[in-house]
Amino acid sequence: MPRDILTNSSGNHNGRGRIGLKIAAAFIGLGLLTAGCAHSGPLKVPIDRDVRIPPKRAIVLFADGVRADLCEQMVEAGELPNLKKYIYDRGCRARCGVTCLPSITYAVTASLTTGQFPGHHGIMGNKWFDRHSGQLQDYQHIRTYQQVNQDIRSLTIFEVLNDKYTVAIQTANYLGATRPIENWTSSGINWFFERWLAVDQLVAIRFELIAKIANATGRWPDFILAYFPAIDETGHHFGADSKQYRQALVNLDEQIGRICRALAEAGLLDEYYLVFMSDHGHVPAAHRDYFSLEDFFEEQLGIHVMDHMFMENKSSEERLAYLNHKYRVALVSGGSRRAHIHLRTGKTWFDEPSYDDVVNFIKNFGGRETQPKFRSRSLIEMFAEQKSIRLVAAKVSPNQVKVFYGDQCATIERENDGKGKTYRYLPEKGDPLEYLSLAQTRNLTDGKFHDGRAWLEASCSSEFPDFVPQIVEMFDSSRAGQIVVFAARGWHFSRFDLGGHGSVLKDDMRVPFVVAGPNIRQGEFGCARIVDIVPTVLDLMGLSGRLERLGKIDGVSLISELIAGGESQKSKTP
């Protein structure tokens, strides 16, 4: 369930934006409440003998907002016994699982289902702005959350498995799924009344529905994606260091236990490939540690910003005409710890500014209310010196990005010789990523270009895992801002949340990534990205030949890491 999907907010939650909606919903809420009830007993998934069970099948258990370090600690301490029994002890886990950039749910879910980074599939977060169409999209509303299925620019695993039986439970991104199970009424009611743990219970209960459909149709699903949203919402409201957050993890463990026990009783579990992962970490933050980007523009610089959906039913021409007349800045925050800043320096939004235009933006376009001390400075410099901001990234060219922290600066470059992409990190003043202080990353700061996987492995234990390749790929999208700011640890850009994500620090980027199933070795392997799930699952299902349908993707199959003697399980049916 997306953030605040039942609010009427425009991104800042409007005081959580629930008062008016609660009054309106009260007339129907009580009558429908029983539809949102979730039983907590054992699941019943009896399968008739004539139901066709696919010989190779997979389930992705996708839990939103799980802190990788805390999850691992709780598994080892026996506080998450079902995850330990059914997945960790039976499977192989990544030493370092890394999400995509930005580390925000809608962006990551699209990467999970396409095998591509957000800069390539186009979903840049729960909100994004496209300067070519003038559209500011926000999926955090009941009327818009499903629009991601129209906005995504890449094929999904569901579409690649179009002749198979696929199920998507709870996730808004289900493009191509044979049967999306949205839980709209039942989960929506629970979400409205802030009964988030019950929403995760309902995800587990839907396996009973899957069994009923299987008995009616004679077919069990080949692939299931089950999305559990409660942990993330709990983290936003109470913080990822709270007892409520730990309880949400315990509840997730109980639901996964119910699913696995039911599959075992039906004789299905042993031959199942199970993938357990999350989309991002979670960082606790106090209300006082909040930096308002909107107020900074409006009050310090005297520049009005567009930061909410507008003219939803108008044409691109009408939206752009309005923007060209009224705004030079579009501000898109997300996860409370990352914001894209889009600038207009020409006559129209359709023309993207040059890096020099960005540097001189305030000098050329500061308002009459801009404080004199800011008139000769660049936005980049001002953001980089804020204690609330750990990193500022600015696009220089299609293959070059500059990053800033305080008075430190470095350049990241990409090269593509047709055989593959390589990257290099060039500190110019200081070392904003602190890569020179670690032996693994220092070895790659030699001025030469290195493979993206080499950067992933080297930087996994650093404060900025996988940053070098991913930041350049992010700016490939026309929906990326010219400047992107990432919050420092403990800080956020939301007035109300006690926790968030979206930044590039390891607490935001590190995620659990575990695979269990037939022939999967027990133990640990190296590093993995969220975008590796699509090729890995297809390979495990014996359908690696279908990867060609996806074209060039950013993920790779991890089967050689997961299976002893790990060769690709060649598809008999491409």
Protein backbone atom coordinates (compact mmCIF):
# COMPACT_ATOMS: atom_id res chain seq x y z
CA MET A 1 0.00 0.00 0.00
CA PRO A 2 1.55 3.34 -1.00
CA ARG A 3 2.20 6.05 1.55
CA ASP A 4 -0.97 7.85 2.68
CA ILE A 5 -3.03 6.40 -0.12
CA LEU A 6 -6.22 7.30 1.70
CA THR A 7 -5.32 10.90 2.47
CA ASN A 8 -6.23 13.99 0.56
CA SER A 9 -2.77 15.45 0.92
CA SER A 10 -0.56 16.87 -1.79
CA GLY A 11 2.64 15.35 -0.51
CA ASN A 12 3.02 17.15 2.79
CA HIS A 13 0.09 15.21 4.25
CA ASN A 14 -1.79 18.41 5.15
CA GLY A 15 -1.65 17.53 8.85
CA ARG A 16 -1.94 13.92 7.80
CA GLY A 17 -4.84 15.10 5.64
CA ARG A 18 -7.22 12.62 7.18
CA ILE A 19 -9.80 14.75 8.99
CA GLY A 20 -12.09 15.53 6.08
CA LEU A 21 -11.73 12.06 4.64
CA LYS A 22 -12.51 10.43 7.98
CA ILE A 23 -15.75 12.34 8.30
CA ALA A 24 -16.82 11.33 4.80
CA ALA A 25 -15.74 7.72 5.27
CA ALA A 26 -17.41 7.35 8.66
CA PHE A 27 -20.76 6.84 6.95
CA ILE A 28 -19.48 3.81 5.09
CA GLY A 29 -16.56 2.73 7.25
CA LEU A 30 -18.55 1.11 10.05
CA GLY A 31 -20.74 -0.75 7.62
CA LEU A 32 -17.76 -2.17 5.77
CA LEU A 33 -15.45 -2.78 8.72
CA THR A 34 -16.19 -6.46 8.83
CA ALA A 35 -14.90 -6.71 5.25
CA GLY A 36 -11.55 -5.55 6.53
CA CYS A 37 -11.26 -8.13 9.29
CA ALA A 38 -8.37 -10.55 9.03
CA HIS A 39 -8.31 -13.90 10.80
CA SER A 40 -5.07 -14.92 12.46
CA GLY A 41 -5.51 -18.68 12.50
CA PRO A 42 -3.82 -21.27 10.28
CA LEU A 43 -4.35 -20.82 6.56
CA LYS A 44 -6.26 -23.44 4.64
CA VAL A 45 -5.04 -24.08 1.12
CA PRO A 46 -6.23 -27.60 0.24
CA ILE A 47 -5.45 -28.46 -3.38
CA ASP A 48 -7.55 -30.86 -5.42
CA ARG A 49 -5.74 -33.74 -7.08
CA ASP A 50 -6.51 -32.55 -10.58
CA VAL A 51 -4.94 -29.10 -10.09
CA ARG A 52 -1.88 -28.66 -12.31
CA ILE A 53 1.12 -27.68 -10.23
CA PRO A 54 3.97 -26.05 -12.22
CA PRO A 55 7.20 -28.04 -11.70
CA LYS A 56 9.20 -24.82 -11.29
CA ARG A 57 7.47 -22.02 -9.48
CA ALA A 58 8.47 -18.98 -7.44
CA ILE A 59 7.12 -16.59 -4.81
CA VAL A 60 8.65 -13.19 -4.09
CA LEU A 61 7.87 -12.09 -0.53
CA PHE A 62 8.26 -8.33 -0.73
CA ALA A 63 8.22 -6.53 2.63
CA ASP A 64 8.24 -2.74 2.44
CA GLY A 65 10.74 -0.74 4.50
CA VAL A 66 12.76 -3.45 6.29
CA ARG A 67 16.00 -2.42 7.97
CA ALA A 68 18.48 -5.05 6.86
CA ASP A 69 20.61 -4.83 10.03
CA LEU A 70 17.67 -5.12 12.42
CA CYS A 71 16.07 -7.95 10.47
CA GLU A 72 19.30 -9.93 10.55
CA GLN A 73 19.74 -9.30 14.28
CA MET A 74 16.21 -10.42 15.05
CA VAL A 75 16.58 -13.55 12.92
CA GLU A 76 19.80 -14.49 14.71
CA ALA A 77 18.22 -13.77 18.11
CA GLY A 78 15.29 -16.10 17.34
CA GLU A 79 12.77 -13.24 17.31
CA LEU A 80 11.75 -14.02 13.71
CA PRO A 81 11.55 -17.82 13.88
CA ASN A 82 9.59 -18.35 10.66
CA LEU A 83 11.93 -16.30 8.50
CA LYS A 84 14.78 -18.26 10.04
CA LYS A 85 13.17 -21.69 9.61
CA TYR A 86 11.66 -21.38 6.15
CA ILE A 87 13.97 -18.95 4.39
CA TYR A 88 17.27 -18.06 6.08
CA ASP A 89 18.19 -21.59 7.27
CA ARG A 90 17.03 -23.15 3.99
CA GLY A 91 18.51 -20.56 1.69
CA CYS A 92 21.36 -18.36 0.62
CA ARG A 93 21.48 -14.69 1.57
CA ALA A 94 23.37 -11.78 0.07
CA ARG A 95 26.14 -10.42 2.22
CA CYS A 96 24.96 -7.07 0.98
CA GLY A 97 21.62 -6.52 -0.70
CA VAL A 98 21.29 -3.11 -2.33
CA THR A 99 18.17 -1.39 -3.55
CA CYS A 100 17.94 1.03 -6.46
CA LEU A 101 18.28 4.78 -6.50
CA PRO A 102 16.05 6.41 -5.40
CA SER A 103 15.26 4.10 -2.49
CA ILE A 104 11.53 4.79 -2.65
CA THR A 105 8.75 2.20 -2.98
CA TYR A 106 7.21 2.87 -6.39
CA ALA A 107 10.63 3.28 -8.01
CA VAL A 108 11.93 0.07 -6.45
CA THR A 109 8.79 -1.95 -7.15
CA ALA A 110 9.11 -1.07 -10.83
CA SER A 111 12.78 -2.11 -10.71
CA LEU A 112 11.84 -5.34 -8.98
CA THR A 113 9.38 -6.23 -11.73
CA THR A 114 11.40 -4.99 -14.75
CA GLY A 115 15.05 -5.62 -13.85
CA GLN A 116 15.85 -1.99 -14.71
CA PHE A 117 16.97 1.04 -12.75
CA PRO A 118 14.44 3.87 -12.29
CA GLY A 119 16.32 6.04 -14.77
CA HIS A 120 15.36 3.49 -17.43
CA HIS A 121 11.82 2.38 -16.53
CA GLY A 122 10.72 5.95 -15.74
CA ILE A 123 9.11 5.56 -12.30
CA MET A 124 11.29 7.92 -10.29
CA GLY A 125 9.52 7.49 -6.97
CA ASN A 126 6.07 7.83 -5.45
CA LYS A 127 6.07 11.26 -7.12
CA TRP A 128 7.81 12.54 -10.24
CA PHE A 129 7.77 15.48 -12.63
CA ASP A 130 8.26 15.26 -16.39
CA ARG A 131 9.38 18.53 -17.96
CA HIS A 132 8.39 17.35 -21.44
CA SER A 133 4.73 16.84 -20.55
CA GLY A 134 4.43 19.22 -17.62
CA GLN A 135 2.95 16.41 -15.55
CA LEU A 136 3.60 16.12 -11.83
CA GLN A 137 2.49 12.60 -10.94
CA ASP A 138 1.74 11.53 -7.38
CA TYR A 139 0.71 7.93 -6.69
CA GLN A 140 -0.15 8.66 -3.05
CA HIS A 141 -3.85 9.12 -3.74
CA ILE A 142 -6.68 6.65 -4.10
CA ARG A 143 -7.41 7.94 -7.61
CA THR A 144 -3.84 7.70 -8.86
CA TYR A 145 -2.02 4.80 -7.20
CA GLN A 146 -2.77 2.37 -10.02
CA GLN A 147 -1.62 4.76 -12.74
CA VAL A 148 1.89 3.40 -12.39
CA ASN A 149 0.74 0.59 -14.69
CA GLN A 150 0.25 3.13 -17.49
CA ASP A 151 3.33 5.21 -16.68
CA ILE A 152 5.98 2.49 -16.59
CA ARG A 153 8.17 2.41 -19.71
CA SER A 154 9.49 -1.16 -19.56
CA LEU A 155 8.17 -4.69 -19.78
CA THR A 156 7.45 -6.42 -16.49
CA ILE A 157 8.11 -10.00 -15.43
CA PHE A 158 4.35 -10.54 -15.58
CA GLU A 159 4.32 -9.59 -19.26
CA VAL A 160 7.29 -11.83 -20.00
CA LEU A 161 5.38 -14.68 -18.31
CA ASN A 162 2.26 -13.86 -20.31
CA ASP A 163 1.48 -17.52 -21.05
CA LYS A 164 1.99 -18.51 -17.43
CA TYR A 165 -0.36 -18.03 -14.49
CA THR A 166 0.89 -15.09 -12.41
CA VAL A 167 -0.55 -13.42 -9.32
CA ALA A 168 0.22 -10.04 -7.75
CA ILE A 169 -1.05 -9.57 -4.19
CA GLN A 170 -1.47 -6.04 -2.81
CA THR A 171 1.08 -4.29 -5.02
CA ALA A 172 -0.16 -1.41 -7.17
CA ASN A 173 2.35 -2.32 -9.88
CA TYR A 174 0.85 -5.42 -11.47
CA LEU A 175 1.09 -4.72 -15.20
CA GLY A 176 0.62 -7.99 -17.07
CA ALA A 177 -0.31 -10.13 -14.06
CA THR A 178 -2.91 -12.81 -14.80
CA ARG A 179 -4.68 -12.07 -11.54
CA PRO A 180 -4.02 -8.92 -9.54
CA ILE A 181 -5.42 -9.24 -6.01
CA GLU A 182 -5.54 -5.65 -4.83
CA ASN A 183 -7.43 -6.04 -1.52
CA TRP A 184 -8.83 -2.59 -2.28
CA THR A 185 -11.81 -2.67 0.10
CA SER A 186 -10.47 -4.82 2.91
CA SER A 187 -6.98 -3.34 3.04
CA GLY A 188 -8.27 0.17 2.39
CA ILE A 189 -10.52 0.04 5.45
CA ASN A 190 -7.74 -1.26 7.66
CA TRP A 191 -5.38 1.37 6.27
CA PHE A 192 -7.91 4.09 6.94
CA PHE A 193 -8.17 3.08 10.59
CA GLU A 194 -4.37 2.67 10.81
CA ARG A 195 -4.59 -1.09 11.37
CA TRP A 196 -1.49 -1.69 9.27
CA LEU A 197 -0.59 -5.08 10.72
CA ALA A 198 -3.99 -6.37 9.66
CA VAL A 199 -3.15 -5.39 6.07
CA ASP A 200 -0.15 -7.73 6.14
CA GLN A 201 -2.39 -10.44 7.59
CA LEU A 202 -4.73 -10.03 4.64
CA VAL A 203 -1.86 -10.60 2.23
CA ALA A 204 -1.29 -14.00 3.83
CA ILE A 205 -5.00 -14.81 3.80
CA ARG A 206 -5.12 -14.27 0.04
CA PHE A 207 -3.29 -17.58 -0.38
CA GLU A 208 -6.60 -19.17 0.62
CA LEU A 209 -8.23 -17.34 -2.28
CA ILE A 210 -5.46 -18.53 -4.59
CA ALA A 211 -6.21 -22.10 -3.53
CA LYS A 212 -9.95 -21.68 -4.18
CA ILE A 213 -9.27 -20.28 -7.65
CA ALA A 214 -6.81 -23.10 -8.33
CA ASN A 215 -9.42 -25.72 -7.43
CA ALA A 216 -11.96 -23.98 -9.66
CA THR A 217 -9.65 -23.58 -12.65
CA GLY A 218 -7.39 -26.60 -12.19
CA ARG A 219 -4.25 -24.45 -12.23
CA TRP A 220 -1.82 -23.27 -9.53
CA PRO A 221 0.22 -20.08 -10.19
CA ASP A 222 3.69 -20.25 -11.68
CA PHE A 223 4.71 -16.95 -10.08
CA ILE A 224 3.38 -14.96 -7.11
CA LEU A 225 4.47 -11.52 -5.92
CA ALA A 226 3.16 -10.80 -2.42
CA TYR A 227 3.60 -7.27 -1.05
CA PHE A 228 3.54 -6.49 2.70
CA PRO A 229 3.29 -2.72 3.36
CA ALA A 230 2.86 -2.49 7.15
CA ILE A 231 6.48 -2.20 8.26
CA ASP A 232 7.17 0.89 6.16
CA GLU A 233 4.09 2.75 7.35
CA THR A 234 4.91 1.86 10.94
CA GLY A 235 8.42 3.21 10.43
CA HIS A 236 7.12 6.51 9.07
CA HIS A 237 4.76 7.00 12.02
CA PHE A 238 6.88 5.70 14.91
CA GLY A 239 10.45 5.45 13.65
CA ALA A 240 12.53 2.42 12.74
CA ASP A 241 13.97 2.34 16.27
CA SER A 242 10.54 1.97 17.92
CA LYS A 243 8.90 -1.02 19.60
CA GLN A 244 6.05 -0.69 17.08
CA TYR A 245 8.49 -1.16 14.20
CA ARG A 246 9.88 -4.34 15.79
CA GLN A 247 6.33 -5.59 16.34
CA ALA A 248 5.58 -5.02 12.65
CA LEU A 249 8.57 -7.22 11.80
CA VAL A 250 7.29 -9.89 14.19
CA ASN A 251 3.88 -9.69 12.53
CA LEU A 252 5.48 -10.09 9.09
CA ASP A 253 7.30 -13.15 10.38
CA GLU A 254 4.02 -14.64 11.58
CA GLN A 255 2.38 -14.09 8.18
CA ILE A 256 5.28 -15.68 6.29
CA GLY A 257 5.10 -18.58 8.72
CA ARG A 258 1.39 -19.02 8.02
CA ILE A 259 2.00 -19.00 4.26
CA CYS A 260 4.87 -21.49 4.42
CA ARG A 261 3.08 -23.88 6.79
CA ALA A 262 0.02 -23.88 4.56
CA LEU A 263 2.14 -24.57 1.47
CA ALA A 264 3.95 -27.35 3.32
CA GLU A 265 0.66 -28.99 4.35
CA ALA A 266 -0.45 -28.86 0.73
CA GLY A 267 2.80 -30.53 -0.34
CA LEU A 268 3.95 -27.46 -2.28
CA LEU A 269 6.68 -25.87 -0.19
CA ASP A 270 9.70 -28.06 -0.85
CA GLU A 271 9.74 -27.39 -4.58
CA TYR A 272 9.08 -23.66 -4.26
CA TYR A 273 11.68 -20.98 -4.88
CA LEU A 274 11.14 -18.30 -2.25
CA VAL A 275 12.71 -14.85 -2.51
CA PHE A 276 12.55 -12.59 0.55
CA MET A 277 13.49 -8.96 0.01
CA SER A 278 12.67 -5.37 0.81
CA ASP A 279 12.61 -2.20 -1.24
CA HIS A 280 14.61 0.08 1.07
CA GLY A 281 15.79 0.52 4.62
CA HIS A 282 14.40 2.95 7.16
CA VAL A 283 16.03 5.81 9.07
CA PRO A 284 14.57 7.20 12.32
CA ALA A 285 14.37 10.99 12.62
CA ALA A 286 12.98 13.41 15.18
CA HIS A 287 10.37 16.02 14.26
CA ARG A 288 12.85 18.75 15.08
CA ASP A 289 15.39 17.41 12.56
CA TYR A 290 13.41 18.58 9.59
CA PHE A 291 14.47 20.81 6.71
CA SER A 292 11.75 22.38 4.58
CA LEU A 293 12.90 22.71 0.99
CA GLU A 294 9.66 24.51 0.13
CA ASP A 295 10.24 27.13 2.84
CA PHE A 296 13.85 27.55 1.75
CA PHE A 297 12.81 28.45 -1.78
CA GLU A 298 9.83 30.56 -0.78
CA GLU A 299 11.25 32.42 2.24
CA GLN A 300 14.99 32.58 1.64
CA LEU A 301 15.06 32.89 -2.14
CA GLY A 302 11.69 34.40 -2.88
CA ILE A 303 11.04 31.77 -5.54
CA HIS A 304 7.69 30.00 -5.79
CA VAL A 305 7.79 26.23 -6.37
CA MET A 306 5.38 23.74 -7.89
CA ASP A 307 5.26 20.72 -5.61
CA HIS A 308 1.84 19.10 -6.11
CA MET A 309 -0.36 17.63 -8.82
CA PHE A 310 -2.24 20.14 -10.94
CA MET A 311 -4.42 20.27 -14.06
CA GLU A 312 -4.67 16.46 -14.06
CA ASN A 313 -7.25 16.33 -16.83
CA LYS A 314 -5.64 18.95 -19.06
CA SER A 315 -3.39 18.40 -22.08
CA SER A 316 0.40 18.66 -21.99
CA GLU A 317 0.17 21.91 -23.94
CA GLU A 318 -2.16 23.45 -21.36
CA ARG A 319 -0.05 22.30 -18.41
CA LEU A 320 3.18 23.57 -19.95
CA ALA A 321 1.63 26.93 -20.83
CA TYR A 322 0.57 27.29 -17.19
CA LEU A 323 3.99 26.29 -15.88
CA ASN A 324 5.85 28.52 -18.33
CA HIS A 325 3.82 31.45 -17.09
CA LYS A 326 4.03 30.79 -13.34
CA TYR A 327 6.94 28.59 -12.22
CA ARG A 328 10.67 28.16 -12.66
CA VAL A 329 11.07 25.44 -10.02
CA ALA A 330 9.30 22.09 -9.66
CA LEU A 331 10.10 20.34 -6.39
CA VAL A 332 9.50 16.62 -5.97
CA SER A 333 10.25 15.02 -2.62
CA GLY A 334 9.79 11.38 -1.72
CA GLY A 335 10.27 8.94 1.14
CA SER A 336 10.99 12.12 3.15
CA ARG A 337 14.75 11.84 2.54
CA ARG A 338 15.27 12.71 -1.14
CA ALA A 339 14.14 15.51 -3.41
CA HIS A 340 14.44 16.24 -7.13
CA ILE A 341 14.71 19.90 -8.10
CA HIS A 342 13.69 20.71 -11.67
CA LEU A 343 14.63 24.14 -13.03
CA ARG A 344 13.45 26.20 -15.98
CA THR A 345 16.07 28.61 -17.28
CA GLY A 346 14.71 29.13 -20.80
CA LYS A 347 11.35 30.28 -22.08
CA THR A 348 9.79 26.83 -21.81
CA TRP A 349 10.01 23.82 -19.55
CA PHE A 350 10.57 21.61 -22.57
CA ASP A 351 14.21 22.79 -22.84
CA GLU A 352 16.53 21.24 -20.28
CA PRO A 353 19.00 23.67 -18.63
CA SER A 354 22.75 23.28 -19.05
CA TYR A 355 24.93 22.78 -16.00
CA ASP A 356 26.08 26.41 -16.23
CA ASP A 357 22.44 27.49 -16.28
CA VAL A 358 21.87 25.52 -13.09
CA VAL A 359 24.92 27.02 -11.38
CA ASN A 360 23.78 30.55 -12.24
CA PHE A 361 20.10 30.02 -11.57
CA ILE A 362 19.75 32.33 -8.56
CA LYS A 363 21.89 35.03 -10.16
CA ASN A 364 19.65 35.03 -13.22
CA PHE A 365 16.25 34.19 -11.77
CA GLY A 366 16.26 35.02 -8.07
CA GLY A 367 13.18 36.95 -7.03
CA ARG A 368 13.01 40.45 -5.66
CA GLU A 369 12.59 38.84 -2.25
CA THR A 370 15.84 36.86 -2.55
CA GLN A 371 18.07 37.75 0.36
CA PRO A 372 21.15 39.74 -0.80
CA LYS A 373 23.60 37.24 0.71
CA PHE A 374 22.25 34.55 -1.65
CA ARG A 375 22.19 36.48 -4.92
CA SER A 376 25.75 35.60 -5.98
CA ARG A 377 25.61 31.97 -4.86
CA SER A 378 24.53 28.74 -6.55
CA LEU A 379 21.73 26.49 -5.37
CA ILE A 380 24.19 23.61 -5.33
CA GLU A 381 26.52 25.39 -2.91
CA MET A 382 23.70 26.40 -0.60
CA PHE A 383 22.23 22.91 -0.40
CA ALA A 384 25.65 21.30 0.06
CA GLU A 385 26.36 23.38 3.18
CA GLN A 386 23.11 22.46 4.95
CA LYS A 387 23.72 20.08 7.86
CA SER A 388 20.44 18.36 6.99
CA ILE A 389 21.75 17.36 3.54
CA ARG A 390 24.46 14.73 3.17
CA LEU A 391 24.90 14.80 -0.58
CA VAL A 392 23.92 16.94 -3.55
CA ALA A 393 24.07 15.53 -7.09
CA ALA A 394 23.88 17.62 -10.26
CA LYS A 395 23.77 16.47 -13.86
CA VAL A 396 26.58 17.92 -16.00
CA SER A 397 26.07 15.92 -19.19
CA PRO A 398 24.47 12.58 -20.20
CA ASN A 399 27.53 10.72 -18.88
CA GLN A 400 28.77 13.02 -16.14
CA VAL A 401 27.47 13.91 -12.68
CA LYS A 402 28.99 16.11 -9.98
CA VAL A 403 28.45 15.38 -6.28
CA PHE A 404 28.91 17.80 -3.39
CA TYR A 405 29.12 17.73 0.40
CA GLY A 406 30.01 20.90 2.26
CA ASP A 407 32.91 22.36 0.32
CA GLN A 408 33.89 18.97 -1.13
CA CYS A 409 33.28 18.02 -4.75
CA ALA A 410 33.83 15.04 -7.06
CA THR A 411 32.89 14.03 -10.60
CA ILE A 412 31.43 10.67 -11.62
CA GLU A 413 31.67 9.65 -15.27
CA ARG A 414 30.29 6.82 -17.37
CA GLU A 415 31.75 5.29 -20.51
CA ASN A 416 30.00 2.91 -22.89
CA ASP A 417 32.18 1.26 -25.51
CA GLY A 418 29.40 -0.97 -26.84
CA LYS A 419 30.58 -3.94 -24.79
CA GLY A 420 29.34 -2.58 -21.51
CA LYS A 421 29.22 0.40 -19.20
CA THR A 422 32.09 1.42 -16.96
CA TYR A 423 32.40 4.21 -14.39
CA ARG A 424 34.99 6.26 -12.57
CA TYR A 425 35.04 8.50 -9.50
CA LEU A 426 37.24 11.57 -9.63
CA PRO A 427 37.58 13.50 -6.35
CA GLU A 428 38.33 17.16 -7.12
CA LYS A 429 38.20 18.79 -3.71
CA GLY A 430 38.06 16.48 -0.74
CA ASP A 431 36.21 13.17 -0.99
CA PRO A 432 32.43 13.61 -0.59
CA LEU A 433 31.80 9.83 -0.75
CA GLU A 434 34.63 8.96 1.68
CA TYR A 435 35.82 6.33 -0.78
CA LEU A 436 39.50 7.18 -0.30
CA SER A 437 39.31 6.09 3.35
CA LEU A 438 38.36 2.48 2.50
CA ALA A 439 40.81 0.07 0.88
CA GLN A 440 38.16 -1.56 -1.33
CA THR A 441 36.89 1.66 -2.83
CA ARG A 442 40.25 3.43 -2.78
CA ASN A 443 41.56 0.82 -5.21
CA LEU A 444 38.96 1.94 -7.76
CA THR A 445 39.70 5.67 -7.43
CA ASP A 446 42.68 5.38 -9.76
CA GLY A 447 41.28 7.54 -12.53
CA LYS A 448 40.35 4.50 -14.61
CA PHE A 449 36.91 3.26 -15.60
CA HIS A 450 35.62 0.17 -13.78
CA ASP A 451 32.69 -2.17 -14.26
CA GLY A 452 29.49 -1.43 -12.32
CA ARG A 453 29.63 -4.77 -10.53
CA ALA A 454 33.14 -3.97 -9.35
CA TRP A 455 31.82 -0.73 -7.86
CA LEU A 456 28.95 -2.62 -6.25
CA GLU A 457 31.25 -5.14 -4.58
CA ALA A 458 33.80 -2.54 -3.50
CA SER A 459 31.29 -0.08 -2.06
CA CYS A 460 28.86 -2.47 -0.34
CA SER A 461 30.38 -1.94 3.10
CA SER A 462 30.80 1.80 2.59
CA GLU A 463 28.49 4.62 3.63
CA PHE A 464 27.36 4.93 -0.02
CA PRO A 465 26.78 1.43 -1.43
CA ASP A 466 26.58 1.19 -5.25
CA PHE A 467 26.37 4.96 -5.61
CA VAL A 468 28.82 5.51 -8.47
CA PRO A 469 27.04 3.51 -11.20
CA GLN A 470 23.51 4.16 -10.00
CA ILE A 471 23.67 7.95 -9.79
CA VAL A 472 24.62 8.26 -13.46
CA GLU A 473 21.91 5.81 -14.52
CA MET A 474 19.31 7.73 -12.50
CA PHE A 475 19.92 10.90 -14.51
CA ASP A 476 19.13 9.05 -17.77
CA SER A 477 15.46 9.78 -17.15
CA SER A 478 13.79 12.99 -18.29
CA ARG A 479 11.91 12.72 -15.00
CA ALA A 480 15.10 13.32 -12.99
CA GLY A 481 15.73 16.83 -11.72
CA GLN A 482 18.80 18.86 -12.55
CA ILE A 483 19.68 18.82 -8.85
CA VAL A 484 18.93 15.98 -6.44
CA VAL A 485 19.45 16.37 -2.69
CA PHE A 486 19.79 13.49 -0.24
CA ALA A 487 19.17 13.87 3.49
CA ALA A 488 21.83 13.31 6.14
CA ARG A 489 21.37 10.55 8.72
CA GLY A 490 18.61 11.42 11.15
CA TRP A 491 17.25 14.25 8.99
CA HIS A 492 14.26 14.36 6.69
CA PHE A 493 12.17 16.67 4.51
CA SER A 494 8.77 15.77 6.02
CA ARG A 495 7.00 17.83 8.67
CA PHE A 496 5.27 14.88 10.26
CA ASP A 497 7.15 11.58 9.91
CA LEU A 498 9.38 10.06 12.57
CA GLY A 499 11.24 8.00 10.02
CA GLY A 500 11.89 7.83 6.32
CA HIS A 501 14.02 6.66 3.41
CA GLY A 502 15.06 7.71 -0.07
CA SER A 503 18.58 8.93 0.62
CA VAL A 504 21.76 7.20 -0.55
CA LEU A 505 23.28 6.26 2.81
CA LYS A 506 23.65 2.60 3.68
CA ASP A 507 20.73 2.75 6.15
CA ASP A 508 18.46 3.70 3.23
CA MET A 509 20.08 1.48 0.58
CA ARG A 510 20.81 -1.83 2.31
CA VAL A 511 18.02 -4.43 2.15
CA PRO A 512 17.56 -8.11 3.02
CA PHE A 513 17.91 -10.39 -0.01
CA VAL A 514 17.49 -14.15 0.58
CA VAL A 515 16.64 -16.99 -1.82
CA ALA A 516 15.52 -20.46 -0.70
CA GLY A 517 14.33 -23.48 -2.62
CA PRO A 518 15.36 -26.69 -4.38
CA ASN A 519 19.11 -26.95 -4.99
CA ILE A 520 19.76 -23.55 -3.40
CA ARG A 521 22.87 -23.84 -1.27
CA GLN A 522 22.79 -22.71 2.34
CA GLY A 523 24.96 -19.83 3.43
CA GLU A 524 25.95 -16.48 2.03
CA PHE A 525 27.07 -15.00 -1.26
CA GLY A 526 28.40 -11.58 -2.27
CA CYS A 527 26.34 -8.59 -3.30
CA ALA A 528 22.97 -8.36 -5.03
CA ARG A 529 20.77 -5.64 -6.45
CA ILE A 530 17.00 -5.46 -6.55
CA VAL A 531 17.21 -5.44 -10.35
CA ASP A 532 18.75 -8.93 -10.19
CA ILE A 533 15.47 -10.50 -9.07
CA VAL A 534 13.80 -10.70 -12.51
CA PRO A 535 16.68 -12.48 -14.30
CA THR A 536 17.35 -14.69 -11.28
CA VAL A 537 13.71 -15.79 -10.91
CA LEU A 538 13.37 -16.49 -14.63
CA ASP A 539 16.57 -18.52 -14.49
CA LEU A 540 15.40 -20.52 -11.47
CA MET A 541 12.12 -21.24 -13.27
CA GLY A 542 14.05 -22.57 -16.27
CA LEU A 543 13.02 -19.62 -18.43
CA SER A 544 16.29 -17.75 -18.90
CA GLY A 545 15.66 -17.64 -22.65
CA ARG A 546 12.87 -15.14 -22.03
CA LEU A 547 15.32 -12.51 -20.85
CA GLU A 548 15.78 -11.53 -24.49
CA ARG A 549 12.21 -10.21 -24.48
CA LEU A 550 13.21 -7.62 -21.89
CA GLY A 551 16.01 -6.23 -24.02
CA LYS A 552 18.93 -4.69 -22.17
CA ILE A 553 18.26 -4.77 -18.45
CA ASP A 554 20.41 -3.66 -15.52
CA GLY A 555 20.09 -6.84 -13.50
CA VAL A 556 21.94 -10.14 -13.86
CA SER A 557 21.08 -13.70 -12.89
CA LEU A 558 22.61 -14.74 -9.57
CA ILE A 559 22.10 -18.44 -10.15
CA SER A 560 25.84 -19.18 -10.22
CA GLU A 561 26.04 -17.71 -6.70
CA LEU A 562 22.99 -19.56 -5.41
CA ILE A 563 23.33 -23.07 -6.75
CA ALA A 564 26.33 -25.32 -6.34
CA GLY A 565 27.90 -25.65 -9.77
CA GLY A 566 25.38 -22.93 -10.68
CA GLU A 567 24.72 -23.09 -14.35
CA SER A 568 21.74 -21.41 -15.89
CA GLN A 569 18.68 -23.66 -15.97
CA LYS A 570 18.06 -23.52 -19.69
CA SER A 571 14.52 -23.05 -20.81
CA LYS A 572 12.90 -25.78 -22.84
CA THR A 573 10.17 -23.34 -23.83
CA PRO A 574 11.63 -19.92 -24.66
